[in-house]
Amino acid sequence: KVVVTGRSMITNTKVARDLGYLNISDKNIVDAYDVDKLADDRIVVLCT
């Protein structure tokens, strides 16, 4: 699953997804506060 953190990263990925330039389904995006619910080898963090 992908976690997005960093102000500009969150903003730009949202804009790109809304406009169809970045394709990833909602089920594969996880909030940074929910990472502890997943095993470490099931997480990728996109950051600034």
All heavy atoms as atom14 arrays in JSON, in Angstrom:
{
  "sequence": "KVVVTGRSMITNTKVARDLGYLNISDKNIVDAYDVDKLADDRIVVLCT",
  "atom14_mask": [
    [1, 1, 1, 1, 1, 1, 1, 1, 1, 0, 0, 0, 0, 0],
    [1, 1, 1, 1, 1, 1, 1, 0, 0, 0, 0, 0, 0, 0],
    [1, 1, 1, 1, 1, 1, 1, 0, 0, 0, 0, 0, 0, 0],
    [1, 1, 1, 1, 1, 1, 1, 0, 0, 0, 0, 0, 0, 0],
    [1, 1, 1, 1, 1, 1, 1, 0, 0, 0, 0, 0, 0, 0],
    [1, 1, 1, 1, 0, 0, 0, 0, 0, 0, 0, 0, 0, 0],
    [1, 1, 1, 1, 1, 1, 1, 1, 1, 1, 1, 0, 0, 0],
    [1, 1, 1, 1, 1, 1, 0, 0, 0, 0, 0, 0, 0, 0],
    [1, 1, 1, 1, 1, 1, 1, 1, 0, 0, 0, 0, 0, 0],
    [1, 1, 1, 1, 1, 1, 1, 1, 0, 0, 0, 0, 0, 0],
    [1, 1, 1, 1, 1, 1, 1, 0, 0, 0, 0, 0, 0, 0],
    [1, 1, 1, 1, 1, 1, 1, 1, 0, 0, 0, 0, 0, 0],
    [1, 1, 1, 1, 1, 1, 1, 0, 0, 0, 0, 0, 0, 0],
    [1, 1, 1, 1, 1, 1, 1, 1, 1, 0, 0, 0, 0, 0],
    [1, 1, 1, 1, 1, 1, 1, 0, 0, 0, 0, 0, 0, 0],
    [1, 1, 1, 1, 1, 0, 0, 0, 0, 0, 0, 0, 0, 0],
    [1, 1, 1, 1, 1, 1, 1, 1, 1, 1, 1, 0, 0, 0],
    [1, 1, 1, 1, 1, 1, 1, 1, 0, 0, 0, 0, 0, 0],
    [1, 1, 1, 1, 1, 1, 1, 1, 0, 0, 0, 0, 0, 0],
    [1, 1, 1, 1, 0, 0, 0, 0, 0, 0, 0, 0, 0, 0],
    [1, 1, 1, 1, 1, 1, 1, 1, 1, 1, 1, 1, 0, 0],
    [1, 1, 1, 1, 1, 1, 1, 1, 0, 0, 0, 0, 0, 0],
    [1, 1, 1, 1, 1, 1, 1, 1, 0, 0, 0, 0, 0, 0],
    [1, 1, 1, 1, 1, 1, 1, 1, 0, 0, 0, 0, 0, 0],
    [1, 1, 1, 1, 1, 1, 0, 0, 0, 0, 0, 0, 0, 0],
    [1, 1, 1, 1, 1, 1, 1, 1, 0, 0, 0, 0, 0, 0],
    [1, 1, 1, 1, 1, 1, 1, 1, 1, 0, 0, 0, 0, 0],
    [1, 1, 1, 1, 1, 1, 1, 1, 0, 0, 0, 0, 0, 0],
    [1, 1, 1, 1, 1, 1, 1, 1, 0, 0, 0, 0, 0, 0],
    [1, 1, 1, 1, 1, 1, 1, 0, 0, 0, 0, 0, 0, 0],
    [1, 1, 1, 1, 1, 1, 1, 1, 0, 0, 0, 0, 0, 0],
    [1, 1, 1, 1, 1, 0, 0, 0, 0, 0, 0, 0, 0, 0],
    [1, 1, 1, 1, 1, 1, 1, 1, 1, 1, 1, 1, 0, 0],
    [1, 1, 1, 1, 1, 1, 1, 1, 0, 0, 0, 0, 0, 0],
    [1, 1, 1, 1, 1, 1, 1, 0, 0, 0, 0, 0, 0, 0],
    [1, 1, 1, 1, 1, 1, 1, 1, 0, 0, 0, 0, 0, 0],
    [1, 1, 1, 1, 1, 1, 1, 1, 1, 0, 0, 0, 0, 0],
    [1, 1, 1, 1, 1, 1, 1, 1, 0, 0, 0, 0, 0, 0],
    [1, 1, 1, 1, 1, 0, 0, 0, 0, 0, 0, 0, 0, 0],
    [1, 1, 1, 1, 1, 1, 1, 1, 0, 0, 0, 0, 0, 0],
    [1, 1, 1, 1, 1, 1, 1, 1, 0, 0, 0, 0, 0, 0],
    [1, 1, 1, 1, 1, 1, 1, 1, 1, 1, 1, 0, 0, 0],
    [1, 1, 1, 1, 1, 1, 1, 1, 0, 0, 0, 0, 0, 0],
    [1, 1, 1, 1, 1, 1, 1, 0, 0, 0, 0, 0, 0, 0],
    [1, 1, 1, 1, 1, 1, 1, 0, 0, 0, 0, 0, 0, 0],
    [1, 1, 1, 1, 1, 1, 1, 1, 0, 0, 0, 0, 0, 0],
    [1, 1, 1, 1, 1, 1, 0, 0, 0, 0, 0, 0, 0, 0],
    [1, 1, 1, 1, 1, 1, 1, 0, 0, 0, 0, 0, 0, 0]
  ],
  "atom14_positions": [
    [[0.85, -1.19, 0.0], [0.0, 0.0, 0.0], [0.89, 1.24, 0.0], [2.03, 1.21, 0.48], [-0.9, 0.03, 1.24], [-1.76, -1.22, 1.44], [-2.86, -1.31, 0.42], [-3.79, -2.49, 0.75], [-4.79, -2.71, -0.29], [0.0, 0.0, 0.0], [0.0, 0.0, 0.0], [0.0, 0.0, 0.0], [0.0, 0.0, 0.0], [0.0, 0.0, 0.0]],
    [[0.35, 2.34, -0.52], [1.12, 3.58, -0.63], [0.63, 4.61, 0.38], [-0.58, 4.85, 0.49], [1.02, 4.16, -2.06], [1.72, 5.52, -2.15], [1.64, 3.19, -3.07], [0.0, 0.0, 0.0], [0.0, 0.0, 0.0], [0.0, 0.0, 0.0], [0.0, 0.0, 0.0], [0.0, 0.0, 0.0], [0.0, 0.0, 0.0], [0.0, 0.0, 0.0]],
    [[1.57, 5.18, 1.12], [1.28, 6.28, 2.05], [1.91, 7.54, 1.47], [3.04, 7.51, 0.99], [1.91, 6.0, 3.45], [1.68, 7.17, 4.38], [1.35, 4.72, 4.02], [0.0, 0.0, 0.0], [0.0, 0.0, 0.0], [0.0, 0.0, 0.0], [0.0, 0.0, 0.0], [0.0, 0.0, 0.0], [0.0, 0.0, 0.0], [0.0, 0.0, 0.0]],
    [[1.18, 8.65, 1.49], [1.7, 9.92, 0.97], [1.88, 10.89, 2.13], [0.94, 11.1, 2.92], [0.74, 10.52, -0.08], [1.31, 11.83, -0.62], [0.51, 9.54, -1.22], [0.0, 0.0, 0.0], [0.0, 0.0, 0.0], [0.0, 0.0, 0.0], [0.0, 0.0, 0.0], [0.0, 0.0, 0.0], [0.0, 0.0, 0.0], [0.0, 0.0, 0.0]],
    [[3.07, 11.47, 2.28], [3.3, 12.44, 3.35], [4.18, 13.58, 2.86], [4.95, 13.42, 1.91], [3.92, 11.76, 4.59], [4.02, 12.71, 5.65], [5.31, 11.21, 4.29], [0.0, 0.0, 0.0], [0.0, 0.0, 0.0], [0.0, 0.0, 0.0], [0.0, 0.0, 0.0], [0.0, 0.0, 0.0], [0.0, 0.0, 0.0], [0.0, 0.0, 0.0]],
    [[4.06, 14.72, 3.5], [4.73, 15.95, 3.03], [3.68, 16.82, 2.36], [2.94, 16.37, 1.49], [0.0, 0.0, 0.0], [0.0, 0.0, 0.0], [0.0, 0.0, 0.0], [0.0, 0.0, 0.0], [0.0, 0.0, 0.0], [0.0, 0.0, 0.0], [0.0, 0.0, 0.0], [0.0, 0.0, 0.0], [0.0, 0.0, 0.0], [0.0, 0.0, 0.0]],
    [[3.61, 18.11, 2.76], [2.51, 18.98, 2.31], [2.39, 19.05, 0.8], [1.33, 18.84, 0.23], [2.71, 20.4, 2.89], [1.51, 21.32, 2.67], [1.71, 22.62, 3.43], [2.82, 23.38, 2.88], [2.7, 24.29, 1.91], [1.54, 24.53, 1.36], [3.75, 24.95, 1.47], [0.0, 0.0, 0.0], [0.0, 0.0, 0.0], [0.0, 0.0, 0.0]],
    [[3.51, 19.34, 0.1], [3.41, 19.49, -1.36], [3.14, 18.16, -2.03], [2.46, 18.09, -3.06], [4.69, 20.13, -1.92], [5.81, 19.28, -1.72], [0.0, 0.0, 0.0], [0.0, 0.0, 0.0], [0.0, 0.0, 0.0], [0.0, 0.0, 0.0], [0.0, 0.0, 0.0], [0.0, 0.0, 0.0], [0.0, 0.0, 0.0], [0.0, 0.0, 0.0]],
    [[3.65, 17.05, -1.44], [3.4, 15.73, -2.01], [1.91, 15.39, -1.92], [1.3, 14.9, -2.88], [4.23, 14.68, -1.29], [4.17, 13.3, -1.91], [4.95, 13.21, -3.55], [6.69, 13.09, -3.13], [0.0, 0.0, 0.0], [0.0, 0.0, 0.0], [0.0, 0.0, 0.0], [0.0, 0.0, 0.0], [0.0, 0.0, 0.0], [0.0, 0.0, 0.0]],
    [[1.3, 15.67, -0.77], [-0.14, 15.4, -0.6], [-0.95, 16.25, -1.58], [-1.86, 15.77, -2.25], [-0.56, 15.69, 0.86], [0.06, 14.64, 1.8], [-2.07, 15.7, 1.01], [-0.05, 14.98, 3.28], [0.0, 0.0, 0.0], [0.0, 0.0, 0.0], [0.0, 0.0, 0.0], [0.0, 0.0, 0.0], [0.0, 0.0, 0.0], [0.0, 0.0, 0.0]],
    [[-0.61, 17.54, -1.68], [-1.34, 18.45, -2.57], [-1.22, 18.03, -4.03], [-2.22, 17.91, -4.74], [-0.8, 19.89, -2.4], [-0.93, 20.27, -1.04], [-1.56, 20.86, -3.28], [0.0, 0.0, 0.0], [0.0, 0.0, 0.0], [0.0, 0.0, 0.0], [0.0, 0.0, 0.0], [0.0, 0.0, 0.0], [0.0, 0.0, 0.0], [0.0, 0.0, 0.0]],
    [[0.0, 17.78, -4.48], [0.21, 17.5, -5.9], [-0.33, 16.14, -6.32], [-0.86, 15.99, -7.42], [1.71, 17.6, -6.25], [2.19, 19.04, -6.26], [1.41, 19.96, -6.07], [3.47, 19.25, -6.47], [0.0, 0.0, 0.0], [0.0, 0.0, 0.0], [0.0, 0.0, 0.0], [0.0, 0.0, 0.0], [0.0, 0.0, 0.0], [0.0, 0.0, 0.0]],
    [[-0.2, 15.14, -5.44], [-0.76, 13.84, -5.81], [-2.28, 13.91, -5.88], [-2.89, 13.27, -6.73], [-0.33, 12.74, -4.8], [-0.62, 13.18, -3.47], [1.13, 12.41, -4.94], [0.0, 0.0, 0.0], [0.0, 0.0, 0.0], [0.0, 0.0, 0.0], [0.0, 0.0, 0.0], [0.0, 0.0, 0.0], [0.0, 0.0, 0.0], [0.0, 0.0, 0.0]],
    [[-2.88, 14.71, -5.01], [-4.35, 14.86, -5.06], [-4.78, 15.52, -6.37], [-5.7, 15.05, -7.06], [-4.84, 15.68, -3.87], [-6.38, 15.8, -3.83], [-6.85, 16.61, -2.64], [-8.38, 16.59, -2.55], [-9.07, 16.9, -3.79], [0.0, 0.0, 0.0], [0.0, 0.0, 0.0], [0.0, 0.0, 0.0], [0.0, 0.0, 0.0], [0.0, 0.0, 0.0]],
    [[-4.08, 16.61, -6.74], [-4.4, 17.3, -8.0], [-4.23, 16.35, -9.18], [-5.1, 16.25, -10.05], [-3.51, 18.56, -8.18], [-3.66, 19.14, -9.59], [-3.88, 19.63, -7.15], [0.0, 0.0, 0.0], [0.0, 0.0, 0.0], [0.0, 0.0, 0.0], [0.0, 0.0, 0.0], [0.0, 0.0, 0.0], [0.0, 0.0, 0.0], [0.0, 0.0, 0.0]],
    [[-3.09, 15.63, -9.21], [-2.8, 14.74, -10.33], [-3.8, 13.6, -10.42], [-4.23, 13.2, -11.51], [-1.37, 14.19, -10.2], [0.0, 0.0, 0.0], [0.0, 0.0, 0.0], [0.0, 0.0, 0.0], [0.0, 0.0, 0.0], [0.0, 0.0, 0.0], [0.0, 0.0, 0.0], [0.0, 0.0, 0.0], [0.0, 0.0, 0.0], [0.0, 0.0, 0.0]],
    [[-4.23, 13.06, -9.26], [-5.23, 11.98, -9.28], [-6.59, 12.51, -9.72], [-7.28, 11.89, -10.53], [-5.35, 11.35, -7.88], [-4.15, 10.5, -7.48], [-4.38, 9.85, -6.12], [-5.35, 8.76, -6.24], [-6.13, 8.37, -5.23], [-6.06, 8.96, -4.06], [-6.97, 7.36, -5.41], [0.0, 0.0, 0.0], [0.0, 0.0, 0.0], [0.0, 0.0, 0.0]],
    [[-6.97, 13.67, -9.21], [-8.27, 14.25, -9.57], [-8.36, 14.52, -11.07], [-9.44, 14.39, -11.66], [-8.52, 15.55, -8.8], [-8.78, 15.31, -7.31], [-9.0, 14.14, -6.94], [-8.74, 16.29, -6.54], [0.0, 0.0, 0.0], [0.0, 0.0, 0.0], [0.0, 0.0, 0.0], [0.0, 0.0, 0.0], [0.0, 0.0, 0.0], [0.0, 0.0, 0.0]],
    [[-7.23, 14.9, -11.68], [-7.23, 15.26, -13.1], [-6.88, 14.09, -14.01], [-6.8, 14.25, -15.23], [-6.26, 16.42, -13.34], [-6.59, 17.73, -12.61], [-5.52, 18.78, -12.87], [-7.96, 18.27, -13.05], [0.0, 0.0, 0.0], [0.0, 0.0, 0.0], [0.0, 0.0, 0.0], [0.0, 0.0, 0.0], [0.0, 0.0, 0.0], [0.0, 0.0, 0.0]],
    [[-6.64, 12.92, -13.43], [-6.4, 11.72, -14.23], [-4.96, 11.53, -14.69], [-4.7, 10.71, -15.57], [0.0, 0.0, 0.0], [0.0, 0.0, 0.0], [0.0, 0.0, 0.0], [0.0, 0.0, 0.0], [0.0, 0.0, 0.0], [0.0, 0.0, 0.0], [0.0, 0.0, 0.0], [0.0, 0.0, 0.0], [0.0, 0.0, 0.0], [0.0, 0.0, 0.0]],
    [[-4.01, 12.25, -14.09], [-2.6, 12.1, -14.48], [-1.85, 11.09, -13.62], [-0.78, 10.62, -13.99], [-1.87, 13.45, -14.4], [-2.26, 14.42, -15.49], [-3.22, 15.39, -15.28], [-1.66, 14.35, -16.74], [-3.58, 16.29, -16.28], [-2.01, 15.25, -17.75], [-2.97, 16.21, -17.51], [-3.32, 17.08, -18.51], [0.0, 0.0, 0.0], [0.0, 0.0, 0.0]],
    [[-2.41, 10.77, -12.44], [-1.79, 9.78, -11.55], [-2.85, 8.73, -11.24], [-3.9, 9.04, -10.67], [-1.31, 10.45, -10.25], [-0.63, 9.55, -9.22], [0.63, 8.91, -9.79], [-0.3, 10.34, -7.95], [0.0, 0.0, 0.0], [0.0, 0.0, 0.0], [0.0, 0.0, 0.0], [0.0, 0.0, 0.0], [0.0, 0.0, 0.0], [0.0, 0.0, 0.0]],
    [[-2.57, 7.5, -11.63], [-3.57, 6.45, -11.51], [-3.2, 5.44, -10.44], [-2.24, 4.68, -10.57], [-3.72, 5.73, -12.87], [-4.16, 6.69, -13.96], [-5.18, 7.36, -13.81], [-3.38, 6.78, -15.03], [0.0, 0.0, 0.0], [0.0, 0.0, 0.0], [0.0, 0.0, 0.0], [0.0, 0.0, 0.0], [0.0, 0.0, 0.0], [0.0, 0.0, 0.0]],
    [[-3.95, 5.47, -9.35], [-3.85, 4.47, -8.3], [-5.2, 4.46, -7.57], [-5.76, 5.53, -7.3], [-2.68, 4.75, -7.32], [-2.61, 3.65, -6.26], [-2.75, 6.12, -6.72], [-1.36, 3.7, -5.38], [0.0, 0.0, 0.0], [0.0, 0.0, 0.0], [0.0, 0.0, 0.0], [0.0, 0.0, 0.0], [0.0, 0.0, 0.0], [0.0, 0.0, 0.0]],
    [[-5.72, 3.3, -7.3], [-7.06, 3.22, -6.71], [-7.03, 3.6, -5.23], [-5.99, 3.48, -4.56], [-7.63, 1.81, -6.87], [-6.85, 0.88, -6.13], [0.0, 0.0, 0.0], [0.0, 0.0, 0.0], [0.0, 0.0, 0.0], [0.0, 0.0, 0.0], [0.0, 0.0, 0.0], [0.0, 0.0, 0.0], [0.0, 0.0, 0.0], [0.0, 0.0, 0.0]],
    [[-8.18, 4.03, -4.71], [-8.28, 4.44, -3.3], [-7.88, 3.32, -2.36], [-7.3, 3.56, -1.3], [-9.72, 4.88, -2.99], [-10.06, 6.21, -3.65], [-9.11, 6.95, -3.99], [-11.25, 6.52, -3.81], [0.0, 0.0, 0.0], [0.0, 0.0, 0.0], [0.0, 0.0, 0.0], [0.0, 0.0, 0.0], [0.0, 0.0, 0.0], [0.0, 0.0, 0.0]],
    [[-8.18, 2.07, -2.74], [-7.9, 0.95, -1.82], [-6.4, 0.73, -1.63], [-5.98, 0.08, -0.67], [-8.56, -0.34, -2.36], [-7.93, -0.89, -3.63], [-8.59, -2.19, -4.05], [-7.87, -2.76, -5.29], [-8.49, -4.01, -5.74], [0.0, 0.0, 0.0], [0.0, 0.0, 0.0], [0.0, 0.0, 0.0], [0.0, 0.0, 0.0], [0.0, 0.0, 0.0]],
    [[-5.58, 1.27, -2.55], [-4.13, 1.1, -2.43], [-3.43, 2.3, -1.8], [-2.21, 2.33, -1.7], [-3.52, 0.82, -3.81], [-3.86, -0.57, -4.29], [-3.77, -1.54, -3.54], [-4.29, -0.69, -5.55], [0.0, 0.0, 0.0], [0.0, 0.0, 0.0], [0.0, 0.0, 0.0], [0.0, 0.0, 0.0], [0.0, 0.0, 0.0], [0.0, 0.0, 0.0]],
    [[-4.21, 3.3, -1.36], [-3.66, 4.46, -0.66], [-4.06, 4.37, 0.81], [-5.22, 4.12, 1.14], [-4.21, 5.78, -1.25], [-3.76, 5.92, -2.69], [-3.81, 6.97, -0.41], [-2.67, 6.91, -2.94], [0.0, 0.0, 0.0], [0.0, 0.0, 0.0], [0.0, 0.0, 0.0], [0.0, 0.0, 0.0], [0.0, 0.0, 0.0], [0.0, 0.0, 0.0]],
    [[-3.1, 4.56, 1.7], [-3.36, 4.45, 3.14], [-2.96, 5.76, 3.82], [-1.97, 6.38, 3.45], [-2.53, 3.29, 3.75], [-2.76, 3.17, 5.24], [-2.86, 1.98, 3.06], [0.0, 0.0, 0.0], [0.0, 0.0, 0.0], [0.0, 0.0, 0.0], [0.0, 0.0, 0.0], [0.0, 0.0, 0.0], [0.0, 0.0, 0.0], [0.0, 0.0, 0.0]],
    [[-3.74, 6.18, 4.82], [-3.41, 7.38, 5.59], [-2.19, 7.11, 6.47], [-2.0, 6.0, 6.99], [-4.61, 7.77, 6.46], [-4.38, 9.12, 7.12], [-3.8, 9.15, 8.22], [-4.77, 10.15, 6.53], [0.0, 0.0, 0.0], [0.0, 0.0, 0.0], [0.0, 0.0, 0.0], [0.0, 0.0, 0.0], [0.0, 0.0, 0.0], [0.0, 0.0, 0.0]],
    [[-1.36, 8.13, 6.64], [-0.12, 7.97, 7.42], [-0.4, 7.51, 8.86], [0.43, 6.84, 9.47], [0.66, 9.28, 7.43], [0.0, 0.0, 0.0], [0.0, 0.0, 0.0], [0.0, 0.0, 0.0], [0.0, 0.0, 0.0], [0.0, 0.0, 0.0], [0.0, 0.0, 0.0], [0.0, 0.0, 0.0], [0.0, 0.0, 0.0], [0.0, 0.0, 0.0]],
    [[-1.57, 7.88, 9.4], [-1.88, 7.49, 10.78], [-2.33, 6.03, 10.9], [-2.46, 5.5, 12.0], [-2.98, 8.41, 11.34], [-2.47, 9.79, 11.63], [-2.75, 10.87, 10.79], [-1.68, 10.04, 12.76], [-2.27, 12.13, 11.05], [-1.19, 11.31, 13.04], [-1.49, 12.35, 12.18], [-1.0, 13.6, 12.45], [0.0, 0.0, 0.0], [0.0, 0.0, 0.0]],
    [[-2.57, 5.37, 9.74], [-3.03, 3.98, 9.76], [-1.93, 2.97, 9.44], [-2.21, 1.78, 9.29], [-4.19, 3.79, 8.75], [-5.42, 4.61, 9.15], [-5.59, 4.82, 10.36], [-6.18, 5.01, 8.26], [0.0, 0.0, 0.0], [0.0, 0.0, 0.0], [0.0, 0.0, 0.0], [0.0, 0.0, 0.0], [0.0, 0.0, 0.0], [0.0, 0.0, 0.0]],
    [[-0.7, 3.42, 9.32], [0.38, 2.51, 8.9], [0.62, 1.39, 9.91], [1.02, 0.29, 9.53], [1.71, 3.26, 8.63], [1.62, 4.12, 7.41], [2.14, 4.06, 9.85], [0.0, 0.0, 0.0], [0.0, 0.0, 0.0], [0.0, 0.0, 0.0], [0.0, 0.0, 0.0], [0.0, 0.0, 0.0], [0.0, 0.0, 0.0], [0.0, 0.0, 0.0]],
    [[0.34, 1.67, 11.17], [0.61, 0.64, 12.19], [-0.32, -0.57, 12.06], [-0.07, -1.61, 12.67], [0.49, 1.25, 13.59], [1.59, 2.26, 13.86], [2.65, 2.13, 13.21], [1.4, 3.17, 14.69], [0.0, 0.0, 0.0], [0.0, 0.0, 0.0], [0.0, 0.0, 0.0], [0.0, 0.0, 0.0], [0.0, 0.0, 0.0], [0.0, 0.0, 0.0]],
    [[-1.39, -0.4, 11.28], [-2.32, -1.51, 11.09], [-1.81, -2.5, 10.04], [-2.37, -3.58, 9.87], [-3.7, -0.98, 10.65], [-4.36, -0.08, 11.69], [-5.63, 0.54, 11.13], [-6.23, 1.53, 12.12], [-7.4, 2.23, 11.55], [0.0, 0.0, 0.0], [0.0, 0.0, 0.0], [0.0, 0.0, 0.0], [0.0, 0.0, 0.0], [0.0, 0.0, 0.0]],
    [[-0.76, -2.12, 9.31], [-0.23, -2.96, 8.24], [1.17, -3.46, 8.6], [1.92, -2.79, 9.31], [-0.15, -2.18, 6.93], [-1.48, -1.77, 6.29], [-1.23, -0.78, 5.16], [-2.22, -2.98, 5.74], [0.0, 0.0, 0.0], [0.0, 0.0, 0.0], [0.0, 0.0, 0.0], [0.0, 0.0, 0.0], [0.0, 0.0, 0.0], [0.0, 0.0, 0.0]],
    [[1.51, -4.64, 8.07], [2.87, -5.16, 8.25], [3.86, -4.26, 7.54], [3.54, -3.64, 6.5], [2.95, -6.58, 7.69], [0.0, 0.0, 0.0], [0.0, 0.0, 0.0], [0.0, 0.0, 0.0], [0.0, 0.0, 0.0], [0.0, 0.0, 0.0], [0.0, 0.0, 0.0], [0.0, 0.0, 0.0], [0.0, 0.0, 0.0], [0.0, 0.0, 0.0]],
    [[5.08, -4.16, 8.09], [6.1, -3.28, 7.51], [6.38, -3.58, 6.04], [6.66, -2.68, 5.25], [7.4, -3.37, 8.31], [7.29, -2.64, 9.65], [6.23, -2.03, 9.9], [8.26, -2.68, 10.42], [0.0, 0.0, 0.0], [0.0, 0.0, 0.0], [0.0, 0.0, 0.0], [0.0, 0.0, 0.0], [0.0, 0.0, 0.0], [0.0, 0.0, 0.0]],
    [[6.36, -4.89, 5.68], [6.68, -5.24, 4.3], [5.49, -5.09, 3.36], [5.49, -5.63, 2.25], [7.24, -6.67, 4.23], [6.23, -7.71, 4.69], [5.14, -7.32, 5.16], [6.54, -8.92, 4.58], [0.0, 0.0, 0.0], [0.0, 0.0, 0.0], [0.0, 0.0, 0.0], [0.0, 0.0, 0.0], [0.0, 0.0, 0.0], [0.0, 0.0, 0.0]],
    [[4.49, -4.33, 3.81], [3.32, -4.04, 2.96], [3.11, -2.54, 2.78], [2.05, -2.09, 2.43], [2.05, -4.67, 3.58], [2.02, -6.2, 3.43], [1.77, -6.57, 1.97], [1.99, -8.0, 1.69], [3.1, -8.51, 1.18], [4.14, -7.71, 0.95], [3.21, -9.78, 0.9], [0.0, 0.0, 0.0], [0.0, 0.0, 0.0], [0.0, 0.0, 0.0]],
    [[4.2, -1.76, 3.04], [4.05, -0.29, 3.01], [5.14, 0.35, 2.16], [6.31, -0.01, 2.26], [4.13, 0.29, 4.45], [2.95, -0.21, 5.29], [4.13, 1.82, 4.41], [3.11, 0.1, 6.76], [0.0, 0.0, 0.0], [0.0, 0.0, 0.0], [0.0, 0.0, 0.0], [0.0, 0.0, 0.0], [0.0, 0.0, 0.0], [0.0, 0.0, 0.0]],
    [[4.74, 1.32, 1.32], [5.67, 2.22, 0.64], [5.24, 3.65, 0.95], [4.06, 3.99, 0.81], [5.68, 2.0, -0.89], [6.48, 3.09, -1.59], [6.28, 0.64, -1.23], [0.0, 0.0, 0.0], [0.0, 0.0, 0.0], [0.0, 0.0, 0.0], [0.0, 0.0, 0.0], [0.0, 0.0, 0.0], [0.0, 0.0, 0.0], [0.0, 0.0, 0.0]],
    [[6.18, 4.47, 1.41], [5.87, 5.86, 1.76], [6.43, 6.78, 0.7], [7.64, 6.79, 0.44], [6.46, 6.22, 3.14], [6.14, 7.68, 3.48], [5.93, 5.29, 4.21], [0.0, 0.0, 0.0], [0.0, 0.0, 0.0], [0.0, 0.0, 0.0], [0.0, 0.0, 0.0], [0.0, 0.0, 0.0], [0.0, 0.0, 0.0], [0.0, 0.0, 0.0]],
    [[5.57, 7.58, 0.05], [6.0, 8.62, -0.88], [6.17, 9.91, -0.09], [5.21, 10.35, 0.57], [4.92, 8.84, -1.96], [5.02, 8.03, -3.24], [3.81, 8.35, -4.13], [6.29, 8.35, -4.0], [0.0, 0.0, 0.0], [0.0, 0.0, 0.0], [0.0, 0.0, 0.0], [0.0, 0.0, 0.0], [0.0, 0.0, 0.0], [0.0, 0.0, 0.0]],
    [[7.34, 10.52, -0.14], [7.56, 11.7, 0.7], [8.39, 12.77, 0.0], [9.07, 12.5, -0.99], [8.23, 11.31, 2.01], [9.85, 10.54, 1.83], [0.0, 0.0, 0.0], [0.0, 0.0, 0.0], [0.0, 0.0, 0.0], [0.0, 0.0, 0.0], [0.0, 0.0, 0.0], [0.0, 0.0, 0.0], [0.0, 0.0, 0.0], [0.0, 0.0, 0.0]],
    [[8.32, 13.97, 0.54], [9.18, 15.07, 0.09], [10.52, 14.96, 0.81], [10.66, 14.21, 1.78], [8.53, 16.42, 0.43], [8.18, 16.42, 1.83], [7.27, 16.63, -0.38], [0.0, 0.0, 0.0], [0.0, 0.0, 0.0], [0.0, 0.0, 0.0], [0.0, 0.0, 0.0], [0.0, 0.0, 0.0], [0.0, 0.0, 0.0], [0.0, 0.0, 0.0]]
  ]
}
